[in-house]
Amino acid sequence: MSEKVSIVMPVYNVESLLAETLESILAQTHKNFVLIAVDDGSTDGSYKILEQYAAKDSRIEVLRQENQGNMAARNRGLKHAKTEWVFQMDSDDVMFPNRIERQLDFIRRHPDIRACSSLARYIDEKGRVFGTTPNSIPSVEAFNSYLRRGEPVEVLNPGAVVHRETVISIGGYRNIFIQAGDIDLWNRLAEKGHLILVQNEVLMKYRIHNGSITTSNFLRGQKHVEWVCACMRARKNNEVEPDWDTFLEEWESAPLWTRTNRWRKIYSKALYRHSGRAILNGRKLRGFCGVALATVLRPTYTLPRMINQVFSRNR
């Protein structure tokens, strides 16, 4: 009999997209799974949709809690799960039918792995594809290179598979980091010597909403990433991790050149994302101008991603 796995999926106010996500999970070629859907205090019809699907398929278990945030919902699902491997999923994304099957095969071929992810097609609210996620850690050598350089390991969280006991043993996701709680988890795992890789296969669709790429949301998220990096440096130096207020104080009191350089990197990312959406929506001149400016600000970030988009069309 095939190995049983769990899928943990936080759910919050996604009634218009939830059915498509659930159907993609139920259509998996690997049938031996339990879907643990954690409704995080939805105020729309999401919980009702979950109940309707659970009534028709015994593989779906629905948990409900007051709104505590995405990371808290993932932790509850992890603790509720009973299987060795737990697949992460977002409630507005779409699995390809062979996602579970292919990722389990990848894990079997890399027995030292304790977390892995896949590639994904970026899609918008209407399901239109506008790119493919990059793969920065396709090999053990690439993973070790990140560790040597002290750079944060980042993988696609809704495409991730984690070894349940290992993740729980280090405290799971930490909800304080909000938008960067997954990055914090990957790097605490890596610091403990646990291998993380990204499978070089496109196995899902990852939805980007307008709200998720607005300047205010994006910049706030990037600040949380920088906070995670500050905590990484503190752990490496055997120092106490800075809390949010301490981090902000240090961030804002840095020398002018340091602050300018930080914002250069952050705005280049924001510009690149906005430009891709502009091109998709027919505002090509605006989009290409944005890509050009992002490239000027940070060519080492923009150019590899542009090359990846060109070659990803053949995957």
C-alpha atoms as a PDB file:
ATOM      1  CA  MET A   1       0.000   0.000   0.000  1.00  0.00           C
ATOM      2  CA  SER A   2       1.252   3.510  -0.797  1.00  0.00           C
ATOM      3  CA  GLU A   3       2.587   5.680   2.007  1.00  0.00           C
ATOM      4  CA  LYS A   4      -0.002   7.786   3.803  1.00  0.00           C
ATOM      5  CA  VAL A   5       0.736  11.517   3.982  1.00  0.00           C
ATOM      6  CA  SER A   6      -0.960  14.572   5.428  1.00  0.00           C
ATOM      7  CA  ILE A   7      -1.748  17.899   3.768  1.00  0.00           C
ATOM      8  CA  VAL A   8      -2.049  20.923   6.039  1.00  0.00           C
ATOM      9  CA  MET A   9      -3.993  23.845   4.617  1.00  0.00           C
ATOM     10  CA  PRO A  10      -4.840  27.028   6.554  1.00  0.00           C
ATOM     11  CA  VAL A  11      -8.063  28.620   5.320  1.00  0.00           C
ATOM     12  CA  TYR A  12      -9.157  32.225   5.744  1.00  0.00           C
ATOM     13  CA  ASN A  13     -11.845  33.984   3.689  1.00  0.00           C
ATOM     14  CA  VAL A  14     -11.232  32.365   0.298  1.00  0.00           C
ATOM     15  CA  GLU A  15     -14.718  31.156  -0.608  1.00  0.00           C
ATOM     16  CA  SER A  16     -14.424  32.189  -4.280  1.00  0.00           C
ATOM     17  CA  LEU A  17     -11.265  30.101  -4.841  1.00  0.00           C
ATOM     18  CA  LEU A  18     -11.504  27.316  -2.283  1.00  0.00           C
ATOM     19  CA  ALA A  19     -13.439  24.787  -4.385  1.00  0.00           C
ATOM     20  CA  GLU A  20     -10.830  24.878  -7.155  1.00  0.00           C
ATOM     21  CA  THR A  21      -8.085  24.240  -4.598  1.00  0.00           C
ATOM     22  CA  LEU A  22      -9.964  21.363  -2.978  1.00  0.00           C
ATOM     23  CA  GLU A  23     -10.720  19.739  -6.331  1.00  0.00           C
ATOM     24  CA  SER A  24      -7.020  19.855  -7.250  1.00  0.00           C
ATOM     25  CA  ILE A  25      -6.154  18.066  -3.999  1.00  0.00           C
ATOM     26  CA  LEU A  26      -8.818  15.390  -4.439  1.00  0.00           C
ATOM     27  CA  ALA A  27      -7.589  14.766  -8.011  1.00  0.00           C
ATOM     28  CA  GLN A  28      -4.130  13.646  -6.849  1.00  0.00           C
ATOM     29  CA  THR A  29      -2.750  10.455  -8.398  1.00  0.00           C
ATOM     30  CA  HIS A  30      -1.491   9.541  -4.909  1.00  0.00           C
ATOM     31  CA  LYS A  31      -4.768   8.771  -3.127  1.00  0.00           C
ATOM     32  CA  ASN A  32      -3.553   7.838   0.359  1.00  0.00           C
ATOM     33  CA  PHE A  33      -3.679  11.163   2.176  1.00  0.00           C
ATOM     34  CA  VAL A  34      -5.584  13.097   4.793  1.00  0.00           C
ATOM     35  CA  LEU A  35      -6.293  16.780   4.207  1.00  0.00           C
ATOM     36  CA  ILE A  36      -6.233  18.776   7.446  1.00  0.00           C
ATOM     37  CA  ALA A  37      -7.977  22.047   6.680  1.00  0.00           C
ATOM     38  CA  VAL A  38      -7.610  24.579   9.497  1.00  0.00           C
ATOM     39  CA  ASP A  39     -10.207  27.322   9.244  1.00  0.00           C
ATOM     40  CA  ASP A  40      -8.571  30.351  10.874  1.00  0.00           C
ATOM     41  CA  GLY A  41     -11.712  32.239  11.837  1.00  0.00           C
ATOM     42  CA  SER A  42     -13.143  32.824   8.362  1.00  0.00           C
ATOM     43  CA  THR A  43     -16.038  35.281   8.212  1.00  0.00           C
ATOM     44  CA  ASP A  44     -17.231  34.344   4.716  1.00  0.00           C
ATOM     45  CA  GLY A  45     -18.528  31.012   3.428  1.00  0.00           C
ATOM     46  CA  SER A  46     -15.175  29.180   3.529  1.00  0.00           C
ATOM     47  CA  TYR A  47     -15.999  27.024   6.564  1.00  0.00           C
ATOM     48  CA  LYS A  48     -19.311  25.930   5.048  1.00  0.00           C
ATOM     49  CA  ILE A  49     -17.546  24.870   1.843  1.00  0.00           C
ATOM     50  CA  LEU A  50     -15.044  22.839   3.874  1.00  0.00           C
ATOM     51  CA  GLU A  51     -17.866  21.100   5.750  1.00  0.00           C
ATOM     52  CA  GLN A  52     -19.618  20.244   2.479  1.00  0.00           C
ATOM     53  CA  TYR A  53     -16.492  18.656   1.020  1.00  0.00           C
ATOM     54  CA  ALA A  54     -15.689  16.822   4.265  1.00  0.00           C
ATOM     55  CA  ALA A  55     -19.180  15.315   4.290  1.00  0.00           C
ATOM     56  CA  LYS A  56     -18.489  13.798   0.866  1.00  0.00           C
ATOM     57  CA  ASP A  57     -14.874  12.653   1.374  1.00  0.00           C
ATOM     58  CA  SER A  58     -13.648  11.051   4.596  1.00  0.00           C
ATOM     59  CA  ARG A  59     -10.040  12.039   3.814  1.00  0.00           C
ATOM     60  CA  ILE A  60     -10.873  15.662   4.697  1.00  0.00           C
ATOM     61  CA  GLU A  61     -10.661  16.726   8.351  1.00  0.00           C
ATOM     62  CA  VAL A  62     -11.750  20.245   9.258  1.00  0.00           C
ATOM     63  CA  LEU A  63     -10.461  22.079  12.321  1.00  0.00           C
ATOM     64  CA  ARG A  64     -11.697  25.509  13.343  1.00  0.00           C
ATOM     65  CA  GLN A  65     -10.147  28.212  15.500  1.00  0.00           C
ATOM     66  CA  GLU A  66     -10.390  31.919  16.184  1.00  0.00           C
ATOM     67  CA  ASN A  67      -8.224  33.993  13.877  1.00  0.00           C
ATOM     68  CA  GLN A  68      -4.614  33.509  15.008  1.00  0.00           C
ATOM     69  CA  GLY A  69      -2.705  33.838  11.761  1.00  0.00           C
ATOM     70  CA  ASN A  70      -1.359  31.567   9.043  1.00  0.00           C
ATOM     71  CA  MET A  71       1.598  30.192  10.988  1.00  0.00           C
ATOM     72  CA  ALA A  72      -0.495  29.314  14.035  1.00  0.00           C
ATOM     73  CA  ALA A  73      -2.926  27.450  11.773  1.00  0.00           C
ATOM     74  CA  ARG A  74      -0.052  25.504  10.186  1.00  0.00           C
ATOM     75  CA  ASN A  75       1.290  24.546  13.615  1.00  0.00           C
ATOM     76  CA  ARG A  76      -2.108  23.254  14.677  1.00  0.00           C
ATOM     77  CA  GLY A  77      -2.333  21.175  11.524  1.00  0.00           C
ATOM     78  CA  LEU A  78       1.184  19.784  12.069  1.00  0.00           C
ATOM     79  CA  LYS A  79       0.371  18.752  15.626  1.00  0.00           C
ATOM     80  CA  HIS A  80      -2.881  17.149  14.511  1.00  0.00           C
ATOM     81  CA  ALA A  81      -1.202  15.165  11.726  1.00  0.00           C
ATOM     82  CA  LYS A  82      -0.183  11.548  12.336  1.00  0.00           C
ATOM     83  CA  THR A  83       2.010  10.889   9.290  1.00  0.00           C
ATOM     84  CA  GLU A  84       5.770  11.143   8.848  1.00  0.00           C
ATOM     85  CA  TRP A  85       5.564  13.619   5.958  1.00  0.00           C
ATOM     86  CA  VAL A  86       3.303  16.666   5.831  1.00  0.00           C
ATOM     87  CA  PHE A  87       2.569  18.579   2.640  1.00  0.00           C
ATOM     88  CA  GLN A  88       1.924  22.312   2.947  1.00  0.00           C
ATOM     89  CA  MET A  89      -0.751  23.993   0.843  1.00  0.00           C
ATOM     90  CA  ASP A  90      -2.403  27.400   0.541  1.00  0.00           C
ATOM     91  CA  SER A  91      -6.172  27.547   0.171  1.00  0.00           C
ATOM     92  CA  ASP A  92      -6.077  29.599  -3.033  1.00  0.00           C
ATOM     93  CA  ASP A  93      -3.391  27.651  -4.916  1.00  0.00           C
ATOM     94  CA  VAL A  94      -3.711  24.676  -7.263  1.00  0.00           C
ATOM     95  CA  MET A  95      -1.906  21.332  -7.140  1.00  0.00           C
ATOM     96  CA  PHE A  96      -0.988  19.544 -10.332  1.00  0.00           C
ATOM     97  CA  PRO A  97      -2.387  15.975 -10.189  1.00  0.00           C
ATOM     98  CA  ASN A  98       1.042  14.360  -9.695  1.00  0.00           C
ATOM     99  CA  ARG A  99       2.375  16.723  -7.016  1.00  0.00           C
ATOM    100  CA  ILE A 100       2.256  14.288  -4.077  1.00  0.00           C
ATOM    101  CA  GLU A 101       3.478  11.377  -6.183  1.00  0.00           C
ATOM    102  CA  ARG A 102       6.469  13.271  -7.580  1.00  0.00           C
ATOM    103  CA  GLN A 103       7.513  14.874  -4.305  1.00  0.00           C
ATOM    104  CA  LEU A 104       7.413  11.544  -2.477  1.00  0.00           C
ATOM    105  CA  ASP A 105       9.608  10.103  -5.200  1.00  0.00           C
ATOM    106  CA  PHE A 106      12.035  13.011  -4.733  1.00  0.00           C
ATOM    107  CA  ILE A 107      12.185  12.368  -0.978  1.00  0.00           C
ATOM    108  CA  ARG A 108      12.899   8.670  -1.536  1.00  0.00           C
ATOM    109  CA  ARG A 109      15.789   9.604  -3.831  1.00  0.00           C
ATOM    110  CA  HIS A 110      17.181  12.036  -1.218  1.00  0.00           C
ATOM    111  CA  PRO A 111      16.829  10.245   2.135  1.00  0.00           C
ATOM    112  CA  ASP A 112      18.679  12.986   4.069  1.00  0.00           C
ATOM    113  CA  ILE A 113      16.011  15.583   3.253  1.00  0.00           C
ATOM    114  CA  ARG A 114      13.901  16.972   6.097  1.00  0.00           C
ATOM    115  CA  ALA A 115      12.137  19.620   4.023  1.00  0.00           C
ATOM    116  CA  CYS A 116      11.762  20.203   0.300  1.00  0.00           C
ATOM    117  CA  SER A 117       9.668  22.166  -2.146  1.00  0.00           C
ATOM    118  CA  SER A 118       8.886  22.291  -5.846  1.00  0.00           C
ATOM    119  CA  LEU A 119       8.623  24.888  -8.567  1.00  0.00           C
ATOM    120  CA  ALA A 120       5.309  26.584  -9.342  1.00  0.00           C
ATOM    121  CA  ARG A 121       3.653  28.701 -12.002  1.00  0.00           C
ATOM    122  CA  TYR A 122       2.728  32.176 -10.796  1.00  0.00           C
ATOM    123  CA  ILE A 123      -0.953  32.897 -11.463  1.00  0.00           C
ATOM    124  CA  ASP A 124      -3.150  35.921 -10.796  1.00  0.00           C
ATOM    125  CA  GLU A 125      -6.709  36.112  -9.440  1.00  0.00           C
ATOM    126  CA  LYS A 126      -8.074  35.003 -12.821  1.00  0.00           C
ATOM    127  CA  GLY A 127      -5.722  32.038 -13.089  1.00  0.00           C
ATOM    128  CA  ARG A 128      -3.514  33.602 -15.761  1.00  0.00           C
ATOM    129  CA  VAL A 129       0.096  32.389 -15.711  1.00  0.00           C
ATOM    130  CA  PHE A 130       2.766  35.080 -15.578  1.00  0.00           C
ATOM    131  CA  GLY A 131       5.954  33.296 -14.623  1.00  0.00           C
ATOM    132  CA  THR A 132       7.652  30.454 -12.790  1.00  0.00           C
ATOM    133  CA  THR A 133       9.281  30.404  -9.371  1.00  0.00           C
ATOM    134  CA  PRO A 134      13.106  30.211  -9.385  1.00  0.00           C
ATOM    135  CA  ASN A 135      15.142  27.331  -7.992  1.00  0.00           C
ATOM    136  CA  SER A 136      18.075  28.539  -5.929  1.00  0.00           C
ATOM    137  CA  ILE A 137      18.802  25.276  -4.058  1.00  0.00           C
ATOM    138  CA  PRO A 138      18.525  22.389  -6.531  1.00  0.00           C
ATOM    139  CA  SER A 139      21.443  20.463  -5.005  1.00  0.00           C
ATOM    140  CA  VAL A 140      23.285  19.694  -1.783  1.00  0.00           C
ATOM    141  CA  GLU A 141      26.167  21.826  -3.041  1.00  0.00           C
ATOM    142  CA  ALA A 142      23.883  24.839  -3.506  1.00  0.00           C
ATOM    143  CA  PHE A 143      22.385  24.308  -0.053  1.00  0.00           C
ATOM    144  CA  ASN A 144      25.819  24.166   1.575  1.00  0.00           C
ATOM    145  CA  SER A 145      26.835  27.302  -0.320  1.00  0.00           C
ATOM    146  CA  TYR A 146      23.965  29.200   1.307  1.00  0.00           C
ATOM    147  CA  LEU A 147      25.095  28.029   4.724  1.00  0.00           C
ATOM    148  CA  ARG A 148      28.700  29.104   4.100  1.00  0.00           C
ATOM    149  CA  ARG A 149      27.626  32.567   2.929  1.00  0.00           C
ATOM    150  CA  GLY A 150      25.162  32.995   5.781  1.00  0.00           C
ATOM    151  CA  GLU A 151      22.363  33.854   3.356  1.00  0.00           C
ATOM    152  CA  PRO A 152      18.745  32.995   4.216  1.00  0.00           C
ATOM    153  CA  VAL A 153      17.352  29.847   2.634  1.00  0.00           C
ATOM    154  CA  GLU A 154      14.002  30.585   0.973  1.00  0.00           C
ATOM    155  CA  VAL A 155      11.677  28.019  -0.597  1.00  0.00           C
ATOM    156  CA  LEU A 156       8.033  28.125  -1.685  1.00  0.00           C
ATOM    157  CA  ASN A 157       6.082  27.344   1.487  1.00  0.00           C
ATOM    158  CA  PRO A 158       2.781  26.136  -0.094  1.00  0.00           C
ATOM    159  CA  GLY A 159       4.856  23.772  -2.242  1.00  0.00           C
ATOM    160  CA  ALA A 160       6.796  22.410   0.716  1.00  0.00           C
ATOM    161  CA  VAL A 161       6.878  18.958   2.281  1.00  0.00           C
ATOM    162  CA  VAL A 162       8.242  18.704   5.816  1.00  0.00           C
ATOM    163  CA  HIS A 163       9.291  15.883   8.117  1.00  0.00           C
ATOM    164  CA  ARG A 164       6.727  16.303  10.869  1.00  0.00           C
ATOM    165  CA  GLU A 165       8.749  15.244  13.930  1.00  0.00           C
ATOM    166  CA  THR A 166      11.791  17.264  12.870  1.00  0.00           C
ATOM    167  CA  VAL A 167       9.801  20.464  12.410  1.00  0.00           C
ATOM    168  CA  ILE A 168       7.921  20.038  15.682  1.00  0.00           C
ATOM    169  CA  SER A 169      11.180  19.314  17.535  1.00  0.00           C
ATOM    170  CA  ILE A 170      12.506  22.816  16.743  1.00  0.00           C
ATOM    171  CA  GLY A 171       9.279  24.592  17.638  1.00  0.00           C
ATOM    172  CA  GLY A 172       7.471  24.666  14.299  1.00  0.00           C
ATOM    173  CA  TYR A 173       6.549  27.936  12.636  1.00  0.00           C
ATOM    174  CA  ARG A 174       6.960  31.044  14.790  1.00  0.00           C
ATOM    175  CA  ASN A 175       3.895  33.245  14.427  1.00  0.00           C
ATOM    176  CA  ILE A 176       5.694  36.456  15.459  1.00  0.00           C
ATOM    177  CA  PHE A 177       7.305  36.770  12.033  1.00  0.00           C
ATOM    178  CA  ILE A 178       3.904  36.840  10.285  1.00  0.00           C
ATOM    179  CA  GLN A 179       4.806  37.079   6.572  1.00  0.00           C
ATOM    180  CA  ALA A 180       8.273  35.549   7.020  1.00  0.00           C
ATOM    181  CA  GLY A 181       7.539  32.724   9.440  1.00  0.00           C
ATOM    182  CA  ASP A 182       8.313  30.122   6.797  1.00  0.00           C
ATOM    183  CA  ILE A 183      11.743  31.653   6.046  1.00  0.00           C
ATOM    184  CA  ASP A 184      12.493  31.626   9.772  1.00  0.00           C
ATOM    185  CA  LEU A 185      11.597  27.916   9.909  1.00  0.00           C
ATOM    186  CA  TRP A 186      13.752  26.912   6.925  1.00  0.00           C
ATOM    187  CA  ASN A 187      16.800  28.607   8.377  1.00  0.00           C
ATOM    188  CA  ARG A 188      16.380  27.192  11.873  1.00  0.00           C
ATOM    189  CA  LEU A 189      16.148  23.768  10.219  1.00  0.00           C
ATOM    190  CA  ALA A 190      19.265  24.455   8.146  1.00  0.00           C
ATOM    191  CA  GLU A 191      21.223  25.620  11.197  1.00  0.00           C
ATOM    192  CA  LYS A 192      20.468  22.265  12.831  1.00  0.00           C
ATOM    193  CA  GLY A 193      22.025  20.488   9.855  1.00  0.00           C
ATOM    194  CA  HIS A 194      18.764  19.389   8.209  1.00  0.00           C
ATOM    195  CA  LEU A 195      18.908  19.253   4.416  1.00  0.00           C
ATOM    196  CA  ILE A 196      16.469  21.384   2.386  1.00  0.00           C
ATOM    197  CA  LEU A 197      16.202  21.117  -1.403  1.00  0.00           C
ATOM    198  CA  VAL A 198      13.926  22.355  -4.180  1.00  0.00           C
ATOM    199  CA  GLN A 199      12.811  19.805  -6.745  1.00  0.00           C
ATOM    200  CA  ASN A 200      13.311  21.073 -10.294  1.00  0.00           C
ATOM    201  CA  GLU A 201       9.749  20.254 -11.392  1.00  0.00           C
ATOM    202  CA  VAL A 202       6.704  22.505 -11.734  1.00  0.00           C
ATOM    203  CA  LEU A 203       4.072  20.798  -9.597  1.00  0.00           C
ATOM    204  CA  MET A 204       1.574  23.507  -8.703  1.00  0.00           C
ATOM    205  CA  LYS A 205       0.178  26.973  -9.387  1.00  0.00           C
ATOM    206  CA  TYR A 206       0.953  29.698  -6.862  1.00  0.00           C
ATOM    207  CA  ARG A 207      -1.530  32.559  -6.759  1.00  0.00           C
ATOM    208  CA  ILE A 208      -0.364  36.155  -6.347  1.00  0.00           C
ATOM    209  CA  HIS A 209      -3.096  38.623  -5.405  1.00  0.00           C
ATOM    210  CA  ASN A 210      -3.119  42.362  -5.975  1.00  0.00           C
ATOM    211  CA  GLY A 211      -3.125  42.874  -2.218  1.00  0.00           C
ATOM    212  CA  SER A 212      -0.056  40.702  -1.750  1.00  0.00           C
ATOM    213  CA  ILE A 213       2.092  42.829  -4.051  1.00  0.00           C
ATOM    214  CA  THR A 214       0.948  46.311  -3.041  1.00  0.00           C
ATOM    215  CA  THR A 215       3.872  48.439  -1.966  1.00  0.00           C
ATOM    216  CA  SER A 216       2.795  48.630   1.688  1.00  0.00           C
ATOM    217  CA  ASN A 217       2.255  44.865   2.043  1.00  0.00           C
ATOM    218  CA  PHE A 218       5.412  43.970   0.164  1.00  0.00           C
ATOM    219  CA  LEU A 219       7.644  46.372   2.081  1.00  0.00           C
ATOM    220  CA  ARG A 220       6.206  45.211   5.397  1.00  0.00           C
ATOM    221  CA  GLY A 221       6.891  41.621   4.409  1.00  0.00           C
ATOM    222  CA  GLN A 222      10.449  42.432   3.405  1.00  0.00           C
ATOM    223  CA  LYS A 223      11.056  44.074   6.766  1.00  0.00           C
ATOM    224  CA  HIS A 224       9.990  40.847   8.429  1.00  0.00           C
ATOM    225  CA  VAL A 225      12.473  38.975   6.221  1.00  0.00           C
ATOM    226  CA  GLU A 226      15.210  41.356   7.362  1.00  0.00           C
ATOM    227  CA  TRP A 227      14.145  40.726  10.960  1.00  0.00           C
ATOM    228  CA  VAL A 228      14.532  36.993  10.359  1.00  0.00           C
ATOM    229  CA  CYS A 229      18.045  37.658   8.994  1.00  0.00           C
ATOM    230  CA  ALA A 230      18.905  39.734  12.068  1.00  0.00           C
ATOM    231  CA  CYS A 231      17.802  36.834  14.271  1.00  0.00           C
ATOM    232  CA  MET A 232      19.937  34.463  12.194  1.00  0.00           C
ATOM    233  CA  ARG A 233      22.999  36.642  12.777  1.00  0.00           C
ATOM    234  CA  ALA A 234      22.258  36.830  16.491  1.00  0.00           C
ATOM    235  CA  ARG A 235      22.010  33.042  16.798  1.00  0.00           C
ATOM    236  CA  LYS A 236      25.263  32.621  14.871  1.00  0.00           C
ATOM    237  CA  ASN A 237      27.007  34.976  17.317  1.00  0.00           C
ATOM    238  CA  ASN A 238      25.384  33.306  20.356  1.00  0.00           C
ATOM    239  CA  GLU A 239      23.434  36.495  21.076  1.00  0.00           C
ATOM    240  CA  VAL A 240      19.817  37.029  22.073  1.00  0.00           C
ATOM    241  CA  GLU A 241      17.502  37.412  19.084  1.00  0.00           C
ATOM    242  CA  PRO A 242      16.232  40.995  18.753  1.00  0.00           C
ATOM    243  CA  ASP A 243      12.509  41.555  19.245  1.00  0.00           C
ATOM    244  CA  TRP A 244      10.568  43.576  16.677  1.00  0.00           C
ATOM    245  CA  ASP A 245      11.016  46.937  18.432  1.00  0.00           C
ATOM    246  CA  THR A 246      14.759  46.395  18.908  1.00  0.00           C
ATOM    247  CA  PHE A 247      15.135  45.366  15.280  1.00  0.00           C
ATOM    248  CA  LEU A 248      13.285  48.475  14.045  1.00  0.00           C
ATOM    249  CA  GLU A 249      15.398  50.737  16.224  1.00  0.00           C
ATOM    250  CA  GLU A 250      18.599  49.223  14.849  1.00  0.00           C
ATOM    251  CA  TRP A 251      17.204  49.306  11.285  1.00  0.00           C
ATOM    252  CA  GLU A 252      16.330  52.983  11.445  1.00  0.00           C
ATOM    253  CA  SER A 253      19.539  54.050  13.192  1.00  0.00           C
ATOM    254  CA  ALA A 254      21.868  52.418  10.660  1.00  0.00           C
ATOM    255  CA  PRO A 255      24.186  54.672   8.611  1.00  0.00           C
ATOM    256  CA  LEU A 256      22.585  56.412   5.638  1.00  0.00           C
ATOM    257  CA  TRP A 257      24.492  54.301   3.072  1.00  0.00           C
ATOM    258  CA  THR A 258      23.405  51.056   4.748  1.00  0.00           C
ATOM    259  CA  ARG A 259      19.746  52.136   4.793  1.00  0.00           C
ATOM    260  CA  THR A 260      19.920  53.308   1.180  1.00  0.00           C
ATOM    261  CA  ASN A 261      21.419  50.013   0.064  1.00  0.00           C
ATOM    262  CA  ARG A 262      18.728  48.051   1.901  1.00  0.00           C
ATOM    263  CA  TRP A 263      15.914  49.993   0.254  1.00  0.00           C
ATOM    264  CA  ARG A 264      17.596  49.671  -3.147  1.00  0.00           C
ATOM    265  CA  LYS A 265      17.378  45.887  -2.871  1.00  0.00           C
ATOM    266  CA  ILE A 266      13.816  45.886  -1.537  1.00  0.00           C
ATOM    267  CA  TYR A 267      12.428  48.318  -4.121  1.00  0.00           C
ATOM    268  CA  SER A 268      14.048  46.370  -6.961  1.00  0.00           C
ATOM    269  CA  LYS A 269      12.062  43.300  -5.869  1.00  0.00           C
ATOM    270  CA  ALA A 270       8.836  45.283  -5.603  1.00  0.00           C
ATOM    271  CA  LEU A 271       9.375  46.882  -9.022  1.00  0.00           C
ATOM    272  CA  TYR A 272      10.079  43.527 -10.650  1.00  0.00           C
ATOM    273  CA  ARG A 273       6.857  42.025  -9.263  1.00  0.00           C
ATOM    274  CA  HIS A 274       4.703  45.010 -10.199  1.00  0.00           C
ATOM    275  CA  SER A 275       6.202  45.074 -13.686  1.00  0.00           C
ATOM    276  CA  GLY A 276       5.300  41.452 -14.382  1.00  0.00           C
ATOM    277  CA  ARG A 277       1.684  42.113 -13.464  1.00  0.00           C
ATOM    278  CA  ALA A 278       1.641  45.282 -15.581  1.00  0.00           C
ATOM    279  CA  ILE A 279       2.822  43.354 -18.655  1.00  0.00           C
ATOM    280  CA  LEU A 280       0.218  40.645 -18.029  1.00  0.00           C
ATOM    281  CA  ASN A 281      -2.529  43.285 -17.855  1.00  0.00           C
ATOM    282  CA  GLY A 282      -1.521  44.882 -21.156  1.00  0.00           C
ATOM    283  CA  ARG A 283       0.431  47.820 -19.747  1.00  0.00           C
ATOM    284  CA  LYS A 284       3.569  46.716 -21.542  1.00  0.00           C
ATOM    285  CA  LEU A 285       5.399  50.048 -21.686  1.00  0.00           C
ATOM    286  CA  ARG A 286       4.961  50.564 -17.966  1.00  0.00           C
ATOM    287  CA  GLY A 287       5.970  46.970 -17.298  1.00  0.00           C
ATOM    288  CA  PHE A 288       9.130  46.984 -19.388  1.00  0.00           C
ATOM    289  CA  CYS A 289      10.183  50.350 -17.952  1.00  0.00           C
ATOM    290  CA  GLY A 290       9.736  48.883 -14.482  1.00  0.00           C
ATOM    291  CA  VAL A 291      11.834  45.836 -15.344  1.00  0.00           C
ATOM    292  CA  ALA A 292      14.563  48.103 -16.726  1.00  0.00           C
ATOM    293  CA  LEU A 293      14.630  50.209 -13.561  1.00  0.00           C
ATOM    294  CA  ALA A 294      14.637  47.092 -11.354  1.00  0.00           C
ATOM    295  CA  THR A 295      17.599  45.806 -13.361  1.00  0.00           C
ATOM    296  CA  VAL A 296      19.493  49.054 -12.876  1.00  0.00           C
ATOM    297  CA  LEU A 297      18.805  48.970  -9.128  1.00  0.00           C
ATOM    298  CA  ARG A 298      19.823  45.324  -8.683  1.00  0.00           C
ATOM    299  CA  PRO A 299      20.954  43.400 -11.769  1.00  0.00           C
ATOM    300  CA  THR A 300      22.103  40.392  -9.718  1.00  0.00           C
ATOM    301  CA  TYR A 301      18.492  39.873  -8.609  1.00  0.00           C
ATOM    302  CA  THR A 302      16.608  40.766 -11.776  1.00  0.00           C
ATOM    303  CA  LEU A 303      18.680  39.228 -14.580  1.00  0.00           C
ATOM    304  CA  PRO A 304      18.743  35.625 -13.249  1.00  0.00           C
ATOM    305  CA  ARG A 305      14.967  35.767 -12.814  1.00  0.00           C
ATOM    306  CA  MET A 306      14.436  37.079 -16.317  1.00  0.00           C
ATOM    307  CA  ILE A 307      16.589  34.258 -17.680  1.00  0.00           C
ATOM    308  CA  ASN A 308      14.635  31.771 -15.547  1.00  0.00           C
ATOM    309  CA  GLN A 309      11.331  32.981 -17.028  1.00  0.00           C
ATOM    310  CA  VAL A 310      12.654  32.508 -20.562  1.00  0.00           C
ATOM    311  CA  PHE A 311      13.838  28.949 -19.953  1.00  0.00           C
ATOM    312  CA  SER A 312      10.886  27.995 -17.738  1.00  0.00           C
ATOM    313  CA  ARG A 313       8.576  28.176 -20.742  1.00  0.00           C
ATOM    314  CA  ASN A 314      10.095  24.885 -21.883  1.00  0.00           C
ATOM    315  CA  ARG A 315       9.443  23.129 -18.554  1.00  0.00           C
END
